[in-house]
């Protein structure tokens, strides 16, 4: 099992430099951001699939949710619950 650190203090986010974050939400053990370009990045504990990558893998590093781009969807807003992630998208 992968070790996922829990940070109790703010930390710098390592996203590609050309991305501008327009929204962020934190769950119990995961975080999600929406970019101005409509991409969704998630990271943290993924045991219940709440990261949206089609598996239950956890990650300390932000990963783009590829499903949205593959389906031609643009993320507008994200809200994380304890073990869930809700995304408002546009086609």
N, C-alpha and C. Protein backbone atom coordinates (compact mmCIF):
# COMPACT_ATOMS: atom_id res chain seq x y z
N UNK A 1 0.84 -1.19 0.00
CA UNK A 1 0.00 0.00 0.00
C UNK A 1 0.88 1.24 0.00
N UNK A 2 0.48 2.24 -0.76
CA UNK A 2 1.24 3.48 -0.84
C UNK A 2 1.04 4.30 0.43
N UNK A 3 2.11 4.94 0.86
CA UNK A 3 2.04 5.83 2.01
C UNK A 3 1.57 7.20 1.54
N UNK A 4 0.54 7.73 2.16
CA UNK A 4 0.03 9.05 1.84
C UNK A 4 0.22 9.93 3.07
N UNK A 5 0.98 11.00 2.90
CA UNK A 5 1.22 11.89 4.03
C UNK A 5 -0.02 12.74 4.28
N UNK A 6 -0.22 13.08 5.52
CA UNK A 6 -1.30 13.98 5.90
C UNK A 6 -0.65 15.26 6.37
N UNK A 7 -0.96 16.37 5.71
CA UNK A 7 -0.36 17.65 6.06
C UNK A 7 -1.35 18.49 6.83
N UNK A 8 -0.97 18.83 8.05
CA UNK A 8 -1.85 19.63 8.89
C UNK A 8 -1.67 21.13 8.66
N UNK A 9 -0.69 21.49 7.84
CA UNK A 9 -0.39 22.89 7.59
C UNK A 9 -0.44 23.17 6.10
N UNK A 10 -0.66 24.41 5.69
CA UNK A 10 -0.66 24.74 4.27
C UNK A 10 0.66 24.36 3.61
N UNK A 11 0.58 23.98 2.35
CA UNK A 11 1.78 23.62 1.59
C UNK A 11 1.64 24.14 0.17
N UNK A 12 2.76 24.42 -0.46
CA UNK A 12 2.74 24.84 -1.86
C UNK A 12 2.27 23.70 -2.74
N UNK A 13 1.49 24.02 -3.74
CA UNK A 13 0.95 23.04 -4.67
C UNK A 13 1.82 23.00 -5.92
N UNK A 14 2.18 21.81 -6.34
CA UNK A 14 3.06 21.65 -7.49
C UNK A 14 2.25 21.26 -8.72
N UNK A 15 1.68 22.28 -9.40
CA UNK A 15 0.96 22.08 -10.66
C UNK A 15 1.81 22.67 -11.78
N UNK A 16 1.60 22.24 -13.03
CA UNK A 16 2.32 22.87 -14.13
C UNK A 16 2.12 24.39 -14.11
N UNK A 17 3.17 25.14 -14.43
CA UNK A 17 3.15 26.60 -14.29
C UNK A 17 2.10 27.32 -15.12
N UNK A 18 1.68 26.75 -16.23
CA UNK A 18 0.73 27.45 -17.09
C UNK A 18 -0.72 27.30 -16.62
N UNK A 19 -0.96 26.60 -15.53
CA UNK A 19 -2.32 26.40 -15.04
C UNK A 19 -2.70 27.45 -14.01
N UNK A 20 -3.92 27.98 -14.13
CA UNK A 20 -4.46 28.90 -13.15
C UNK A 20 -5.62 28.22 -12.44
N UNK A 21 -5.57 28.16 -11.14
CA UNK A 21 -6.60 27.50 -10.35
C UNK A 21 -7.77 28.47 -10.15
N UNK A 22 -8.98 27.98 -10.43
CA UNK A 22 -10.17 28.81 -10.24
C UNK A 22 -11.03 28.33 -9.08
N UNK A 23 -10.78 27.11 -8.60
CA UNK A 23 -11.55 26.59 -7.47
C UNK A 23 -10.83 25.46 -6.78
N UNK A 24 -11.07 25.31 -5.50
CA UNK A 24 -10.44 24.24 -4.72
C UNK A 24 -11.42 23.76 -3.67
N UNK A 25 -11.34 22.47 -3.34
CA UNK A 25 -12.17 21.90 -2.28
C UNK A 25 -11.39 20.78 -1.60
N UNK A 26 -11.60 20.64 -0.31
CA UNK A 26 -10.92 19.60 0.46
C UNK A 26 -11.93 18.67 1.10
N UNK A 27 -11.66 17.37 0.99
CA UNK A 27 -12.45 16.36 1.68
C UNK A 27 -11.74 15.99 2.96
N UNK A 28 -12.10 14.87 3.56
CA UNK A 28 -11.44 14.43 4.79
C UNK A 28 -9.97 14.14 4.56
N UNK A 29 -9.67 13.48 3.44
CA UNK A 29 -8.29 13.08 3.17
C UNK A 29 -7.91 13.25 1.71
N UNK A 30 -8.63 14.08 0.99
CA UNK A 30 -8.29 14.34 -0.41
C UNK A 30 -8.63 15.78 -0.76
N UNK A 31 -8.02 16.25 -1.86
CA UNK A 31 -8.19 17.62 -2.32
C UNK A 31 -8.41 17.62 -3.82
N UNK A 32 -9.17 18.59 -4.31
CA UNK A 32 -9.41 18.72 -5.75
C UNK A 32 -9.34 20.19 -6.13
N UNK A 33 -8.79 20.46 -7.32
CA UNK A 33 -8.78 21.81 -7.85
C UNK A 33 -9.31 21.81 -9.27
N UNK A 34 -9.98 22.90 -9.63
CA UNK A 34 -10.44 23.14 -11.00
C UNK A 34 -9.59 24.27 -11.55
N UNK A 35 -9.15 24.12 -12.79
CA UNK A 35 -8.36 25.18 -13.43
C UNK A 35 -9.25 26.06 -14.29
N UNK A 36 -8.76 27.22 -14.64
CA UNK A 36 -9.51 28.12 -15.52
C UNK A 36 -9.75 27.49 -16.89
N UNK A 37 -8.92 26.54 -17.27
CA UNK A 37 -9.08 25.83 -18.53
C UNK A 37 -10.06 24.67 -18.46
N UNK A 38 -10.68 24.45 -17.28
CA UNK A 38 -11.69 23.40 -17.14
C UNK A 38 -11.16 22.03 -16.82
N UNK A 39 -9.91 21.95 -16.37
CA UNK A 39 -9.36 20.65 -15.98
C UNK A 39 -9.56 20.44 -14.49
N UNK A 40 -9.62 19.17 -14.09
CA UNK A 40 -9.76 18.80 -12.69
C UNK A 40 -8.53 18.02 -12.27
N UNK A 41 -7.91 18.43 -11.18
CA UNK A 41 -6.77 17.72 -10.59
C UNK A 41 -7.16 17.27 -9.19
N UNK A 42 -6.80 16.04 -8.83
CA UNK A 42 -7.11 15.52 -7.50
C UNK A 42 -5.89 14.82 -6.93
N UNK A 43 -5.86 14.74 -5.59
CA UNK A 43 -4.80 13.99 -4.92
C UNK A 43 -5.24 13.71 -3.49
N UNK A 44 -4.53 12.76 -2.85
CA UNK A 44 -4.83 12.36 -1.48
C UNK A 44 -5.22 10.89 -1.43
N UNK A 45 -6.07 10.58 -0.46
CA UNK A 45 -6.51 9.21 -0.23
C UNK A 45 -7.59 8.86 -1.24
N UNK A 46 -7.42 7.74 -1.95
CA UNK A 46 -8.36 7.39 -3.01
C UNK A 46 -9.06 6.06 -2.83
N UNK A 47 -9.11 5.55 -1.60
CA UNK A 47 -9.64 4.20 -1.35
C UNK A 47 -11.02 3.97 -1.93
N UNK A 48 -11.87 4.96 -1.97
CA UNK A 48 -13.25 4.78 -2.45
C UNK A 48 -13.47 5.35 -3.86
N UNK A 49 -12.38 5.61 -4.58
CA UNK A 49 -12.49 6.12 -5.95
C UNK A 49 -12.80 7.60 -6.03
N UNK A 50 -12.73 8.30 -4.90
CA UNK A 50 -13.10 9.71 -4.86
C UNK A 50 -12.15 10.63 -5.63
N UNK A 51 -11.01 10.12 -6.08
CA UNK A 51 -10.10 10.95 -6.87
C UNK A 51 -10.50 11.00 -8.34
N UNK A 52 -11.35 10.08 -8.78
CA UNK A 52 -11.88 10.13 -10.13
C UNK A 52 -10.98 9.57 -11.21
N UNK A 53 -10.01 8.75 -10.84
CA UNK A 53 -9.08 8.19 -11.82
C UNK A 53 -9.44 6.77 -12.27
N UNK A 54 -10.61 6.32 -11.87
CA UNK A 54 -11.06 5.00 -12.30
C UNK A 54 -10.48 3.86 -11.49
N UNK A 55 -9.86 4.17 -10.36
CA UNK A 55 -9.29 3.13 -9.50
C UNK A 55 -9.35 3.63 -8.05
N UNK A 56 -8.73 2.89 -7.14
CA UNK A 56 -8.72 3.31 -5.74
C UNK A 56 -7.31 3.66 -5.28
N UNK A 57 -6.48 4.11 -6.23
CA UNK A 57 -5.10 4.48 -5.93
C UNK A 57 -5.05 5.83 -5.23
N UNK A 58 -4.20 5.93 -4.22
CA UNK A 58 -3.96 7.19 -3.53
C UNK A 58 -2.72 7.86 -4.13
N UNK A 59 -2.63 9.17 -4.00
CA UNK A 59 -1.50 9.90 -4.58
C UNK A 59 -1.19 11.15 -3.77
N UNK A 60 0.08 11.39 -3.49
CA UNK A 60 0.50 12.62 -2.83
C UNK A 60 0.64 13.77 -3.83
N UNK A 61 0.69 13.44 -5.12
CA UNK A 61 0.88 14.45 -6.16
C UNK A 61 -0.42 14.66 -6.93
N UNK A 62 -0.73 15.91 -7.28
CA UNK A 62 -1.93 16.17 -8.08
C UNK A 62 -1.88 15.44 -9.42
N UNK A 63 -2.99 14.82 -9.79
CA UNK A 63 -3.11 14.13 -11.08
C UNK A 63 -4.34 14.65 -11.79
N UNK A 64 -4.21 14.89 -13.08
CA UNK A 64 -5.35 15.36 -13.87
C UNK A 64 -6.33 14.21 -14.05
N UNK A 65 -7.63 14.51 -13.92
CA UNK A 65 -8.67 13.51 -14.15
C UNK A 65 -8.89 13.44 -15.66
N UNK A 66 -8.36 12.42 -16.27
CA UNK A 66 -8.35 12.28 -17.73
C UNK A 66 -9.73 12.01 -18.30
N UNK A 67 -10.61 11.41 -17.53
CA UNK A 67 -11.95 11.05 -18.02
C UNK A 67 -12.69 12.27 -18.56
N UNK A 68 -12.59 13.40 -17.87
CA UNK A 68 -13.32 14.60 -18.30
C UNK A 68 -12.89 15.05 -19.69
N UNK A 69 -11.58 15.11 -19.91
CA UNK A 69 -11.07 15.52 -21.22
C UNK A 69 -11.47 14.52 -22.30
N UNK A 70 -11.39 13.24 -21.98
CA UNK A 70 -11.74 12.19 -22.95
C UNK A 70 -13.20 12.27 -23.37
N UNK A 71 -14.06 12.73 -22.49
CA UNK A 71 -15.49 12.84 -22.78
C UNK A 71 -15.88 14.24 -23.28
N UNK A 72 -14.90 15.12 -23.43
CA UNK A 72 -15.19 16.48 -23.90
C UNK A 72 -15.89 17.33 -22.87
N UNK A 73 -15.64 17.07 -21.59
CA UNK A 73 -16.29 17.80 -20.51
C UNK A 73 -15.34 18.82 -19.89
N UNK A 74 -15.89 19.95 -19.49
CA UNK A 74 -15.11 21.01 -18.88
C UNK A 74 -15.57 21.18 -17.43
N UNK A 75 -14.65 21.01 -16.49
CA UNK A 75 -14.98 21.18 -15.07
C UNK A 75 -15.17 22.65 -14.77
N UNK A 76 -16.27 22.98 -14.08
CA UNK A 76 -16.58 24.36 -13.71
C UNK A 76 -16.44 24.59 -12.22
N UNK A 77 -16.81 23.58 -11.44
CA UNK A 77 -16.80 23.72 -9.98
C UNK A 77 -16.61 22.35 -9.36
N UNK A 78 -15.97 22.29 -8.19
CA UNK A 78 -15.77 21.03 -7.50
C UNK A 78 -16.09 21.22 -6.02
N UNK A 79 -16.72 20.19 -5.43
CA UNK A 79 -17.02 20.16 -4.01
C UNK A 79 -16.67 18.77 -3.50
N UNK A 80 -15.81 18.70 -2.49
CA UNK A 80 -15.44 17.41 -1.90
C UNK A 80 -16.22 17.18 -0.62
N UNK A 81 -16.67 15.93 -0.44
CA UNK A 81 -17.27 15.51 0.81
C UNK A 81 -16.26 14.65 1.54
N UNK A 82 -16.66 13.99 2.63
CA UNK A 82 -15.71 13.16 3.37
C UNK A 82 -15.01 12.11 2.49
N UNK A 83 -15.77 11.37 1.69
CA UNK A 83 -15.19 10.34 0.82
C UNK A 83 -15.74 10.43 -0.59
N UNK A 84 -16.13 11.63 -1.00
CA UNK A 84 -16.72 11.83 -2.32
C UNK A 84 -16.19 13.11 -2.96
N UNK A 85 -16.38 13.20 -4.26
CA UNK A 85 -16.04 14.41 -5.00
C UNK A 85 -17.15 14.66 -6.01
N UNK A 86 -17.72 15.85 -6.00
CA UNK A 86 -18.78 16.25 -6.91
C UNK A 86 -18.22 17.31 -7.84
N UNK A 87 -18.45 17.15 -9.14
CA UNK A 87 -17.92 18.09 -10.12
C UNK A 87 -19.06 18.57 -11.01
N UNK A 88 -19.18 19.88 -11.15
CA UNK A 88 -20.11 20.48 -12.09
C UNK A 88 -19.35 20.64 -13.41
N UNK A 89 -19.89 20.07 -14.48
CA UNK A 89 -19.20 20.10 -15.78
C UNK A 89 -20.09 20.69 -16.86
N UNK A 90 -19.44 21.19 -17.91
CA UNK A 90 -20.12 21.65 -19.12
C UNK A 90 -19.63 20.82 -20.28
N UNK A 91 -20.53 20.55 -21.25
CA UNK A 91 -20.12 19.80 -22.43
C UNK A 91 -19.49 20.74 -23.43
